[in-house]
Amino acid sequence: MHYELWALNTGNLIRDYDTEAEALVTVRDLLADGWSPDDLGLHLEFDEGEDGDEAQLPPPLVGAALAARAAGDRTQTPLSA
């Protein structure tokens, strides 16, 4: 499994990451550079060839929930299967 960070305003994949912590570093950097949290989405994805039911994956983190998670708000549920 891996994490994908998307620019929602353009529909472009920014990058994929092995861990949520790595992805959140980029989210913090983008927010510090002026990105709107409403333009970012982070979700867990199966690796190529990995079997799994996508319906079992947690919903993406977007907007204020993603910004709070990136800021270290542990009350936000982490993305994990």
N, C-alpha and C. Protein backbone atom coordinates (compact mmCIF):
# COMPACT_ATOMS: atom_id res chain seq x y z
N MET A 1 0.83 -1.17 0.00
CA MET A 1 0.00 0.00 0.00
C MET A 1 0.88 1.24 0.00
N HIS A 2 0.32 2.31 -0.52
CA HIS A 2 1.03 3.57 -0.52
C HIS A 2 0.01 4.70 -0.41
N TYR A 3 0.50 5.89 -0.15
CA TYR A 3 -0.33 7.09 -0.03
C TYR A 3 -0.15 7.95 -1.26
N GLU A 4 -1.25 8.51 -1.75
CA GLU A 4 -1.19 9.42 -2.89
C GLU A 4 -1.69 10.79 -2.47
N LEU A 5 -0.91 11.80 -2.82
CA LEU A 5 -1.29 13.19 -2.56
C LEU A 5 -1.69 13.81 -3.89
N TRP A 6 -2.91 14.36 -3.92
CA TRP A 6 -3.47 14.90 -5.15
C TRP A 6 -3.72 16.40 -5.04
N ALA A 7 -3.51 17.10 -6.14
CA ALA A 7 -3.93 18.49 -6.28
C ALA A 7 -5.35 18.43 -6.83
N LEU A 8 -6.32 18.65 -5.97
CA LEU A 8 -7.71 18.47 -6.37
C LEU A 8 -8.19 19.52 -7.36
N ASN A 9 -7.60 20.71 -7.28
CA ASN A 9 -8.02 21.78 -8.19
C ASN A 9 -7.65 21.48 -9.64
N THR A 10 -6.62 20.68 -9.85
CA THR A 10 -6.20 20.34 -11.21
C THR A 10 -6.41 18.87 -11.54
N GLY A 11 -6.67 18.05 -10.52
CA GLY A 11 -6.83 16.63 -10.73
C GLY A 11 -5.52 15.91 -11.01
N ASN A 12 -4.41 16.48 -10.56
CA ASN A 12 -3.10 15.90 -10.80
C ASN A 12 -2.53 15.24 -9.56
N LEU A 13 -1.91 14.09 -9.76
CA LEU A 13 -1.17 13.44 -8.70
C LEU A 13 0.09 14.25 -8.42
N ILE A 14 0.29 14.65 -7.17
CA ILE A 14 1.50 15.37 -6.81
C ILE A 14 2.63 14.37 -6.62
N ARG A 15 2.35 13.33 -5.84
CA ARG A 15 3.39 12.32 -5.58
C ARG A 15 2.77 11.19 -4.77
N ASP A 16 3.43 10.03 -4.80
CA ASP A 16 3.02 8.96 -3.88
C ASP A 16 4.12 8.75 -2.85
N TYR A 17 3.72 8.16 -1.73
CA TYR A 17 4.60 8.03 -0.55
C TYR A 17 4.42 6.65 0.06
N ASP A 18 5.48 6.18 0.69
CA ASP A 18 5.42 4.90 1.40
C ASP A 18 4.69 5.02 2.73
N THR A 19 4.77 6.20 3.37
CA THR A 19 4.16 6.38 4.67
C THR A 19 3.32 7.65 4.71
N GLU A 20 2.35 7.66 5.62
CA GLU A 20 1.54 8.85 5.81
C GLU A 20 2.40 10.00 6.32
N ALA A 21 3.35 9.71 7.19
CA ALA A 21 4.22 10.76 7.75
C ALA A 21 4.97 11.50 6.65
N GLU A 22 5.48 10.78 5.65
CA GLU A 22 6.18 11.41 4.54
C GLU A 22 5.24 12.32 3.76
N ALA A 23 4.03 11.86 3.52
CA ALA A 23 3.06 12.66 2.78
C ALA A 23 2.69 13.92 3.55
N LEU A 24 2.55 13.81 4.85
CA LEU A 24 2.15 14.97 5.66
C LEU A 24 3.23 16.04 5.69
N VAL A 25 4.49 15.66 5.54
CA VAL A 25 5.57 16.66 5.44
C VAL A 25 5.33 17.52 4.20
N THR A 26 5.02 16.89 3.08
CA THR A 26 4.74 17.64 1.85
C THR A 26 3.50 18.50 2.01
N VAL A 27 2.46 17.97 2.64
CA VAL A 27 1.25 18.76 2.87
C VAL A 27 1.60 20.02 3.68
N ARG A 28 2.37 19.87 4.74
CA ARG A 28 2.77 21.04 5.55
C ARG A 28 3.54 22.05 4.72
N ASP A 29 4.45 21.56 3.90
CA ASP A 29 5.24 22.45 3.03
C ASP A 29 4.34 23.19 2.04
N LEU A 30 3.41 22.49 1.43
CA LEU A 30 2.52 23.13 0.45
C LEU A 30 1.62 24.16 1.12
N LEU A 31 1.10 23.84 2.29
CA LEU A 31 0.26 24.80 3.01
C LEU A 31 1.07 26.03 3.40
N ALA A 32 2.32 25.84 3.81
CA ALA A 32 3.19 26.97 4.17
C ALA A 32 3.49 27.84 2.95
N ASP A 33 3.48 27.22 1.76
CA ASP A 33 3.73 27.95 0.52
C ASP A 33 2.48 28.62 -0.04
N GLY A 34 1.36 28.51 0.68
CA GLY A 34 0.15 29.21 0.28
C GLY A 34 -0.93 28.37 -0.38
N TRP A 35 -0.72 27.06 -0.50
CA TRP A 35 -1.76 26.22 -1.06
C TRP A 35 -2.98 26.23 -0.15
N SER A 36 -4.14 26.13 -0.72
CA SER A 36 -5.37 25.99 0.05
C SER A 36 -5.55 24.53 0.43
N PRO A 37 -5.91 24.25 1.67
CA PRO A 37 -6.15 22.86 2.04
C PRO A 37 -7.29 22.23 1.23
N ASP A 38 -8.18 23.06 0.71
CA ASP A 38 -9.28 22.54 -0.12
C ASP A 38 -8.80 22.02 -1.47
N ASP A 39 -7.56 22.34 -1.83
CA ASP A 39 -6.99 21.88 -3.10
C ASP A 39 -6.14 20.62 -2.95
N LEU A 40 -6.10 20.05 -1.73
CA LEU A 40 -5.26 18.88 -1.48
C LEU A 40 -6.09 17.71 -0.99
N GLY A 41 -5.71 16.53 -1.44
CA GLY A 41 -6.36 15.30 -0.98
C GLY A 41 -5.33 14.20 -0.83
N LEU A 42 -5.44 13.45 0.25
CA LEU A 42 -4.50 12.36 0.54
C LEU A 42 -5.31 11.09 0.74
N HIS A 43 -4.90 10.02 0.07
CA HIS A 43 -5.59 8.76 0.28
C HIS A 43 -4.65 7.58 0.18
N LEU A 44 -5.09 6.50 0.79
CA LEU A 44 -4.36 5.24 0.79
C LEU A 44 -4.78 4.46 -0.45
N GLU A 45 -3.81 3.83 -1.08
CA GLU A 45 -4.06 3.12 -2.34
C GLU A 45 -3.29 1.81 -2.34
N PHE A 46 -3.87 0.80 -2.97
CA PHE A 46 -3.16 -0.47 -3.12
C PHE A 46 -2.03 -0.30 -4.13
N ASP A 47 -0.93 -1.03 -3.90
CA ASP A 47 0.17 -1.05 -4.85
C ASP A 47 -0.23 -1.87 -6.08
N GLU A 48 0.45 -1.64 -7.18
CA GLU A 48 0.22 -2.38 -8.41
C GLU A 48 0.33 -3.87 -8.12
N GLY A 49 -0.68 -4.62 -8.52
CA GLY A 49 -0.67 -6.06 -8.33
C GLY A 49 -1.10 -6.53 -6.95
N GLU A 50 -1.32 -5.61 -6.05
CA GLU A 50 -1.73 -5.96 -4.69
C GLU A 50 -3.25 -6.19 -4.67
N ASP A 51 -3.65 -7.31 -4.11
CA ASP A 51 -5.07 -7.62 -4.03
C ASP A 51 -5.69 -6.90 -2.85
N GLY A 52 -6.90 -6.48 -3.02
CA GLY A 52 -7.63 -5.84 -1.94
C GLY A 52 -8.91 -5.23 -2.44
N ASP A 53 -9.80 -5.00 -1.52
CA ASP A 53 -11.09 -4.40 -1.82
C ASP A 53 -11.01 -2.91 -1.54
N GLU A 54 -11.09 -2.11 -2.58
CA GLU A 54 -10.98 -0.66 -2.42
C GLU A 54 -12.07 -0.09 -1.53
N ALA A 55 -13.20 -0.78 -1.44
CA ALA A 55 -14.28 -0.33 -0.57
C ALA A 55 -13.89 -0.42 0.91
N GLN A 56 -12.87 -1.20 1.21
CA GLN A 56 -12.39 -1.36 2.58
C GLN A 56 -11.42 -0.25 2.99
N LEU A 57 -10.94 0.53 2.03
CA LEU A 57 -9.99 1.60 2.34
C LEU A 57 -10.70 2.77 3.02
N PRO A 58 -9.99 3.48 3.89
CA PRO A 58 -10.61 4.64 4.54
C PRO A 58 -10.85 5.76 3.53
N PRO A 59 -11.79 6.66 3.83
CA PRO A 59 -12.04 7.77 2.91
C PRO A 59 -10.82 8.70 2.87
N PRO A 60 -10.65 9.43 1.78
CA PRO A 60 -9.51 10.36 1.69
C PRO A 60 -9.60 11.46 2.74
N LEU A 61 -8.45 11.98 3.10
CA LEU A 61 -8.38 13.18 3.93
C LEU A 61 -8.28 14.38 2.99
N VAL A 62 -9.14 15.35 3.17
CA VAL A 62 -9.15 16.54 2.32
C VAL A 62 -9.42 17.77 3.17
N GLY A 63 -9.10 18.93 2.62
CA GLY A 63 -9.47 20.20 3.22
C GLY A 63 -8.99 20.37 4.65
N ALA A 64 -9.90 20.87 5.49
CA ALA A 64 -9.56 21.19 6.88
C ALA A 64 -9.10 19.96 7.66
N ALA A 65 -9.70 18.79 7.38
CA ALA A 65 -9.29 17.57 8.08
C ALA A 65 -7.84 17.20 7.75
N LEU A 66 -7.46 17.37 6.50
CA LEU A 66 -6.08 17.09 6.09
C LEU A 66 -5.13 18.11 6.71
N ALA A 67 -5.49 19.36 6.70
CA ALA A 67 -4.64 20.40 7.29
C ALA A 67 -4.45 20.15 8.79
N ALA A 68 -5.52 19.75 9.48
CA ALA A 68 -5.42 19.46 10.90
C ALA A 68 -4.52 18.26 11.16
N ARG A 69 -4.66 17.23 10.34
CA ARG A 69 -3.81 16.04 10.48
C ARG A 69 -2.34 16.40 10.23
N ALA A 70 -2.08 17.21 9.23
CA ALA A 70 -0.71 17.61 8.91
C ALA A 70 -0.12 18.47 10.03
N ALA A 71 -0.97 19.22 10.71
CA ALA A 71 -0.51 20.08 11.81
C ALA A 71 -0.27 19.28 13.08
N GLY A 72 -0.59 18.00 13.04
CA GLY A 72 -0.31 17.15 14.20
C GLY A 72 -1.51 16.92 15.09
N ASP A 73 -2.70 17.23 14.60
CA ASP A 73 -3.92 17.01 15.37
C ASP A 73 -4.20 15.50 15.39
N ARG A 74 -3.89 14.87 16.49
CA ARG A 74 -4.05 13.42 16.61
C ARG A 74 -5.50 13.00 16.79
N THR A 75 -6.41 13.98 16.90
CA THR A 75 -7.82 13.59 16.96
C THR A 75 -8.34 13.26 15.57
N GLN A 76 -7.59 13.65 14.54
CA GLN A 76 -7.95 13.28 13.17
C GLN A 76 -7.52 11.83 12.94
N THR A 77 -8.40 11.01 12.47
CA THR A 77 -8.11 9.61 12.24
C THR A 77 -7.08 9.45 11.15
N PRO A 78 -5.98 8.72 11.42
CA PRO A 78 -4.99 8.51 10.37
C PRO A 78 -5.55 7.61 9.27
N LEU A 79 -4.98 7.74 8.11
CA LEU A 79 -5.33 6.87 7.00
C LEU A 79 -4.58 5.56 7.19
N SER A 80 -5.29 4.51 7.41
CA SER A 80 -4.67 3.19 7.49
C SER A 80 -5.74 2.16 7.22
N ALA A 81 -5.29 1.04 6.70
CA ALA A 81 -6.25 -0.01 6.35
C ALA A 81 -6.57 -0.85 7.56
